[in-house]
Amino acid sequence: MSIGAGIALFVIGAILVFAVNVETDVVNLDMIGYIMMGAGALVFLIGLVFLFRRRQTEVVTRTVDPVEGERVTRNTTSSSGEPPVA
């Protein structure tokens, strides 16, 4: 969701900078557009970092052979920064 929000901020900022030619005494729309473009790029990059961070997974497989001779296999998958889920 943050990737889409970053793109939307960037596009709205670009529209304010390059397509809107309204002169106001109170607000400089070009500056607001540049600020929105910068914020959109930053939100987009942070969204990418979080996306790739969630995709890093670690798989641990353990085979236990108890006294009865049964074979037990346990698979544990966890994303980085989260506790393992069985």
Protein backbone atom coordinates (compact mmCIF):
# COMPACT_ATOMS: atom_id res chain seq x y z
CA MET A 1 0.00 0.00 0.00
CA SER A 2 2.84 2.39 0.70
CA ILE A 3 4.23 1.84 -2.79
CA GLY A 4 0.94 2.98 -4.31
CA ALA A 5 0.76 5.95 -1.94
CA GLY A 6 4.29 6.96 -2.92
CA ILE A 7 3.43 6.81 -6.61
CA ALA A 8 0.24 8.81 -6.02
CA LEU A 9 2.13 11.52 -4.08
CA PHE A 10 4.74 11.73 -6.81
CA VAL A 11 2.16 12.02 -9.58
CA ILE A 12 0.10 14.66 -7.76
CA GLY A 13 3.28 16.62 -7.06
CA ALA A 14 4.33 16.41 -10.71
CA ILE A 15 0.92 17.65 -11.79
CA LEU A 16 1.21 20.61 -9.42
CA VAL A 17 4.70 21.47 -10.69
CA PHE A 18 4.35 20.95 -14.44
CA ALA A 19 0.64 21.21 -15.30
CA VAL A 20 -0.86 23.79 -12.97
CA ASN A 21 -0.02 27.40 -13.81
CA VAL A 22 -1.90 29.29 -11.13
CA GLU A 23 -0.22 32.23 -9.40
CA THR A 24 -1.21 32.77 -5.78
CA ASP A 25 0.19 35.15 -3.20
CA VAL A 26 -0.43 32.82 -0.27
CA VAL A 27 0.92 29.47 -1.50
CA ASN A 28 3.66 28.54 -3.94
CA LEU A 29 2.19 25.50 -5.73
CA ASP A 30 5.50 24.66 -7.42
CA MET A 31 7.21 24.25 -4.05
CA ILE A 32 4.34 22.14 -2.70
CA GLY A 33 4.59 20.00 -5.83
CA TYR A 34 8.34 19.47 -5.38
CA ILE A 35 7.83 18.60 -1.72
CA MET A 36 5.12 16.09 -2.66
CA MET A 37 7.35 14.56 -5.33
CA GLY A 38 10.17 14.16 -2.81
CA ALA A 39 7.84 12.68 -0.20
CA GLY A 40 6.40 10.32 -2.81
CA ALA A 41 9.85 9.09 -3.80
CA LEU A 42 10.77 8.58 -0.14
CA VAL A 43 7.55 6.67 0.65
CA PHE A 44 8.05 4.54 -2.47
CA LEU A 45 11.61 3.61 -1.43
CA ILE A 46 10.56 2.83 2.15
CA GLY A 47 7.76 0.64 0.78
CA LEU A 48 10.27 -1.27 -1.36
CA VAL A 49 12.57 -1.79 1.62
CA PHE A 50 9.71 -3.21 3.70
CA LEU A 51 8.56 -5.38 0.80
CA PHE A 52 11.97 -6.99 0.34
CA ARG A 53 12.45 -7.29 4.11
CA ARG A 54 9.26 -9.34 4.45
CA ARG A 55 10.24 -11.65 1.61
CA GLN A 56 13.43 -12.86 3.25
CA THR A 57 12.54 -16.20 4.77
CA GLU A 58 14.47 -18.76 6.69
CA VAL A 59 13.55 -22.46 6.62
CA VAL A 60 14.78 -24.79 9.33
CA THR A 61 14.23 -28.56 9.01
CA ARG A 62 15.01 -30.90 11.89
CA THR A 63 14.72 -34.68 11.82
CA VAL A 64 14.38 -36.33 15.23
CA ASP A 65 14.65 -40.09 15.73
CA PRO A 66 13.22 -40.90 19.20
CA VAL A 67 13.81 -44.16 21.03
CA GLU A 68 10.71 -45.73 19.44
CA GLY A 69 12.29 -45.40 16.00
CA GLU A 70 9.73 -42.97 14.64
CA ARG A 71 10.89 -40.34 12.23
CA VAL A 72 9.65 -36.83 12.99
CA THR A 73 10.33 -33.89 10.70
CA ARG A 74 9.65 -30.33 11.79
CA ASN A 75 9.60 -27.43 9.32
CA THR A 76 9.85 -23.91 10.70
CA THR A 77 9.47 -20.85 8.47
CA SER A 78 10.00 -17.33 9.70
CA SER A 79 10.31 -13.94 8.11
CA SER A 80 13.17 -11.77 9.25
CA GLY A 81 12.37 -9.97 12.44
CA GLU A 82 9.45 -12.22 13.38
CA PRO A 83 9.37 -15.23 15.69
CA PRO A 84 9.33 -18.67 14.02
CA VAL A 85 5.94 -20.11 13.05
CA ALA A 86 5.52 -23.89 13.08
